[in-house]
Protein backbone atom coordinates (compact mmCIF):
# COMPACT_ATOMS: atom_id res chain seq x y z
CA MET A 1 -0.87 -36.16 23.72
CA VAL A 2 -1.79 -33.27 25.75
CA ASP A 3 -2.61 -30.17 23.89
CA ASP A 4 -0.45 -27.35 25.60
CA THR A 5 -1.85 -24.42 23.16
CA ARG A 6 -5.21 -24.44 24.99
CA GLU A 7 -5.55 -22.10 27.83
CA ASP A 8 -6.85 -22.51 31.38
CA GLY A 9 -10.28 -23.21 31.24
CA ASP A 10 -10.85 -23.52 27.46
CA ASP A 11 -13.09 -26.48 26.49
CA GLU A 12 -11.11 -29.29 24.97
CA HIS A 13 -14.09 -29.68 22.54
CA ALA A 14 -13.55 -26.00 21.57
CA THR A 15 -11.14 -27.03 18.79
CA ASP A 16 -13.34 -29.56 17.47
CA ALA A 17 -16.06 -26.99 17.18
CA ASP A 18 -13.56 -24.57 15.41
CA HIS A 19 -12.40 -27.12 13.09
CA ASP A 20 -16.17 -28.29 11.92
CA ALA A 21 -17.13 -24.50 11.67
CA GLY A 22 -13.76 -24.26 9.09
CA SER A 23 -14.53 -27.40 7.47
CA ARG A 24 -18.06 -25.77 6.76
CA GLY A 25 -16.59 -22.73 5.84
CA ASP A 26 -14.35 -24.18 3.50
CA GLU A 27 -17.23 -25.99 1.89
CA GLU A 28 -19.29 -23.26 1.56
CA PHE A 29 -16.10 -21.33 -0.51
CA ALA A 30 -15.67 -24.28 -2.32
CA ARG A 31 -19.20 -24.31 -3.35
CA ARG A 32 -19.27 -20.31 -3.97
CA VAL A 33 -16.07 -20.83 -6.60
CA GLU A 34 -18.18 -23.79 -8.49
CA GLU A 35 -21.08 -21.40 -8.74
CA ALA A 36 -18.86 -18.50 -9.98
CA ARG A 37 -17.48 -21.09 -12.44
CA ASP A 38 -20.52 -22.06 -13.47
CA LEU A 39 -21.66 -18.38 -14.06
CA ILE A 40 -18.62 -17.59 -16.35
CA GLY A 41 -19.66 -20.53 -18.32
CA GLU A 42 -22.98 -19.25 -19.28
CA ASP A 43 -23.30 -16.51 -21.96
CA ALA A 44 -22.04 -13.78 -20.10
CA THR A 45 -21.20 -10.38 -21.69
CA ALA A 46 -18.93 -8.63 -18.97
CA LEU A 47 -17.06 -10.05 -16.04
CA TYR A 48 -15.03 -8.84 -12.98
CA VAL A 49 -13.08 -11.24 -10.77
CA GLY A 50 -11.26 -10.41 -7.94
CA VAL A 51 -9.02 -12.65 -5.85
CA VAL A 52 -7.56 -11.91 -2.47
CA ARG A 53 -4.51 -14.16 -1.23
CA GLU A 54 -3.50 -14.08 2.27
CA GLY A 55 -5.77 -11.43 3.38
CA ARG A 56 -3.88 -8.61 1.72
CA GLU A 57 -2.61 -9.35 -1.92
CA VAL A 58 -5.61 -8.63 -4.50
CA ASP A 59 -5.56 -9.71 -8.36
CA SER A 60 -8.42 -8.96 -10.53
CA THR A 61 -9.56 -9.14 -14.22
CA PHE A 62 -12.30 -7.58 -16.06
CA ALA A 63 -13.41 -8.43 -19.45
CA GLN A 64 -16.53 -7.37 -21.44
CA GLN A 65 -18.12 -7.73 -25.08
CA ALA A 66 -20.42 -4.65 -25.94
CA ASP A 67 -21.67 -3.31 -29.12
CA ASP A 68 -21.06 0.41 -27.89
CA HIS A 69 -19.14 2.59 -25.25
CA GLN A 70 -22.48 3.36 -23.47
CA GLN A 71 -23.31 -0.46 -23.24
CA GLU A 72 -19.87 -0.84 -21.63
CA GLY A 73 -20.19 1.55 -19.31
CA MET A 74 -23.45 0.34 -18.02
CA GLN A 75 -22.14 -2.91 -17.50
CA ALA A 76 -19.21 -1.68 -15.56
CA LEU A 77 -21.10 0.04 -13.62
CA SER A 78 -23.88 -2.72 -13.33
CA LEU A 79 -21.06 -5.23 -11.63
CA LEU A 80 -19.47 -2.32 -9.71
CA ALA A 81 -23.34 -1.67 -8.31
CA SER A 82 -23.95 -5.64 -7.74
CA HIS A 83 -20.50 -5.91 -5.85
CA ILE A 84 -21.58 -2.94 -3.55
CA ARG A 85 -24.61 -4.58 -3.06
CA LEU A 86 -23.12 -7.87 -2.10
CA VAL A 87 -20.53 -6.34 0.39
CA SER A 88 -23.25 -4.21 1.87
CA ASP A 89 -25.50 -7.41 2.38
CA GLU A 90 -22.96 -9.50 3.46
CA ALA A 91 -21.49 -6.79 6.09
CA GLY A 92 -25.02 -5.30 7.07
CA VAL A 93 -24.76 -1.95 6.76
CA ASP A 94 -26.09 0.18 3.71
CA TYR A 95 -24.72 0.67 0.22
CA THR A 96 -23.31 4.28 0.74
CA THR A 97 -21.49 3.13 3.58
CA VAL A 98 -19.46 0.35 1.55
CA ALA A 99 -19.26 3.03 -1.62
CA ALA A 100 -17.65 5.83 0.34
CA ASP A 101 -15.20 3.14 2.13
CA ALA A 102 -14.38 1.92 -1.84
CA VAL A 103 -13.73 5.15 -2.91
CA THR A 104 -11.31 5.87 0.30
CA LEU A 105 -9.82 2.60 -0.34
CA ALA A 106 -9.27 3.27 -3.89
CA GLU A 107 -7.44 6.71 -3.32
CA GLN A 108 -5.08 4.99 -0.93
CA LEU A 109 -4.40 2.37 -3.86
CA ASP A 110 -3.48 4.95 -6.06
CA GLU A 111 -1.27 6.86 -3.54
CA SER A 112 0.72 3.50 -3.07
CA GLU A 113 1.30 3.05 -6.59
């Protein structure tokens, strides 16, 4: 069978390499999902879970247990700060850039509701 979707000059093995990279990406994603499940199973006092579907639909939930409002606020801020740090590390940019972009996106979400 001939792959007519490949453009002239493309290496026929490129699709195999892409598939292998996709499989490794799928395995990495599955591993991280399992790690998240393990974390939730421990003695958590606060958690935030966000899920993106098809690159655009976002569902999320937040839960926490705390003795007072100050502890609740600190837990929520700690989760936010940790998430900003994770995103900035993954993107290779500084925290302030991620935080500013997050504020911009939050404002856009508010406007679209």
